[in-house]
């Protein structure tokens, strides 16, 4: 990949971006509010945006306290 043009770091970053897009299928919308999430958010927040997930958990706690 290093062809001597001084862009080796940029080429590595572009390759990593392409691999991540193939691995994680890009960004996803939140099923509740429609906000576009990046792949890491989609993986670690059960497929919902942070705000909707927090609201869901708050409602769950309130339901158990009644």
C-alpha atoms as a PDB file:
ATOM      1  CA  UNK A   1       0.000   0.000   0.000  1.00  0.00           C
ATOM      2  CA  UNK A   2       2.861   2.406   0.662  1.00  0.00           C
ATOM      3  CA  UNK A   3       3.592   3.690  -2.807  1.00  0.00           C
ATOM      4  CA  UNK A   4       5.775   6.573  -1.604  1.00  0.00           C
ATOM      5  CA  UNK A   5       3.298   9.392  -2.140  1.00  0.00           C
ATOM      6  CA  UNK A   6       3.159  10.284   1.569  1.00  0.00           C
ATOM      7  CA  UNK A   7      -0.487   9.260   1.959  1.00  0.00           C
ATOM      8  CA  UNK A   8       0.064   5.900   3.652  1.00  0.00           C
ATOM      9  CA  UNK A   9      -1.801   6.942   6.836  1.00  0.00           C
ATOM     10  CA  UNK A  10      -4.775   8.214   4.840  1.00  0.00           C
ATOM     11  CA  UNK A  11      -4.864   5.008   2.809  1.00  0.00           C
ATOM     12  CA  UNK A  12      -4.931   2.953   6.011  1.00  0.00           C
ATOM     13  CA  UNK A  13      -7.777   5.069   7.379  1.00  0.00           C
ATOM     14  CA  UNK A  14      -9.754   4.719   4.153  1.00  0.00           C
ATOM     15  CA  UNK A  15      -9.271   0.956   4.244  1.00  0.00           C
ATOM     16  CA  UNK A  16     -10.455   0.813   7.874  1.00  0.00           C
ATOM     17  CA  UNK A  17     -13.553   2.878   7.046  1.00  0.00           C
ATOM     18  CA  UNK A  18     -14.386   0.547   4.158  1.00  0.00           C
ATOM     19  CA  UNK A  19     -13.925  -2.533   6.349  1.00  0.00           C
ATOM     20  CA  UNK A  20     -16.122  -1.064   9.095  1.00  0.00           C
ATOM     21  CA  UNK A  21     -18.858  -0.223   6.614  1.00  0.00           C
ATOM     22  CA  UNK A  22     -18.833  -3.806   5.356  1.00  0.00           C
ATOM     23  CA  UNK A  23     -18.721  -5.268   8.865  1.00  0.00           C
ATOM     24  CA  UNK A  24     -21.387  -3.123  10.548  1.00  0.00           C
ATOM     25  CA  UNK A  25     -23.675  -2.393   7.569  1.00  0.00           C
ATOM     26  CA  UNK A  26     -23.380   1.370   8.065  1.00  0.00           C
ATOM     27  CA  UNK A  27     -25.591   3.585  10.189  1.00  0.00           C
ATOM     28  CA  UNK A  28     -29.093   2.690  11.358  1.00  0.00           C
ATOM     29  CA  UNK A  29     -32.129   4.775  12.315  1.00  0.00           C
ATOM     30  CA  UNK A  30     -33.586   4.484  15.819  1.00  0.00           C
ATOM     31  CA  UNK A  31     -36.840   2.501  15.602  1.00  0.00           C
ATOM     32  CA  UNK A  32     -38.623   4.887  18.003  1.00  0.00           C
ATOM     33  CA  UNK A  33     -37.607   8.417  16.974  1.00  0.00           C
ATOM     34  CA  UNK A  34     -35.789   7.900  13.652  1.00  0.00           C
ATOM     35  CA  UNK A  35     -32.473   9.543  14.621  1.00  0.00           C
ATOM     36  CA  UNK A  36     -29.551   8.137  12.611  1.00  0.00           C
ATOM     37  CA  UNK A  37     -27.118   6.285  14.883  1.00  0.00           C
ATOM     38  CA  UNK A  38     -23.550   5.341  14.095  1.00  0.00           C
ATOM     39  CA  UNK A  39     -22.670   1.618  14.112  1.00  0.00           C
ATOM     40  CA  UNK A  40     -21.208   1.686  17.637  1.00  0.00           C
ATOM     41  CA  UNK A  41     -24.380   3.208  19.092  1.00  0.00           C
ATOM     42  CA  UNK A  42     -26.511   0.653  17.287  1.00  0.00           C
ATOM     43  CA  UNK A  43     -24.443  -2.229  18.668  1.00  0.00           C
ATOM     44  CA  UNK A  44     -24.172  -1.120  22.291  1.00  0.00           C
ATOM     45  CA  UNK A  45     -27.586   0.411  22.969  1.00  0.00           C
ATOM     46  CA  UNK A  46     -29.790  -2.500  21.874  1.00  0.00           C
ATOM     47  CA  UNK A  47     -30.632  -0.864  18.538  1.00  0.00           C
ATOM     48  CA  UNK A  48     -32.086   2.325  20.033  1.00  0.00           C
ATOM     49  CA  UNK A  49     -30.608   5.823  20.372  1.00  0.00           C
ATOM     50  CA  UNK A  50     -29.281   6.812  23.780  1.00  0.00           C
ATOM     51  CA  UNK A  51     -32.207   9.110  24.554  1.00  0.00           C
ATOM     52  CA  UNK A  52     -34.898   6.552  23.683  1.00  0.00           C
ATOM     53  CA  UNK A  53     -33.061   3.800  25.561  1.00  0.00           C
ATOM     54  CA  UNK A  54     -32.815   5.992  28.676  1.00  0.00           C
ATOM     55  CA  UNK A  55     -36.531   6.830  28.421  1.00  0.00           C
ATOM     56  CA  UNK A  56     -37.394   3.144  28.048  1.00  0.00           C
ATOM     57  CA  UNK A  57     -35.350   2.211  31.110  1.00  0.00           C
ATOM     58  CA  UNK A  58     -36.870   5.091  33.139  1.00  0.00           C
ATOM     59  CA  UNK A  59     -40.391   3.898  32.276  1.00  0.00           C
ATOM     60  CA  UNK A  60     -39.385   0.373  33.258  1.00  0.00           C
ATOM     61  CA  UNK A  61     -38.134   1.556  36.653  1.00  0.00           C
ATOM     62  CA  UNK A  62     -41.269   3.653  37.233  1.00  0.00           C
ATOM     63  CA  UNK A  63     -43.438   0.668  36.395  1.00  0.00           C
ATOM     64  CA  UNK A  64     -41.679  -1.457  38.986  1.00  0.00           C
ATOM     65  CA  UNK A  65     -41.989   1.186  41.707  1.00  0.00           C
ATOM     66  CA  UNK A  66     -45.793   1.343  41.484  1.00  0.00           C
END
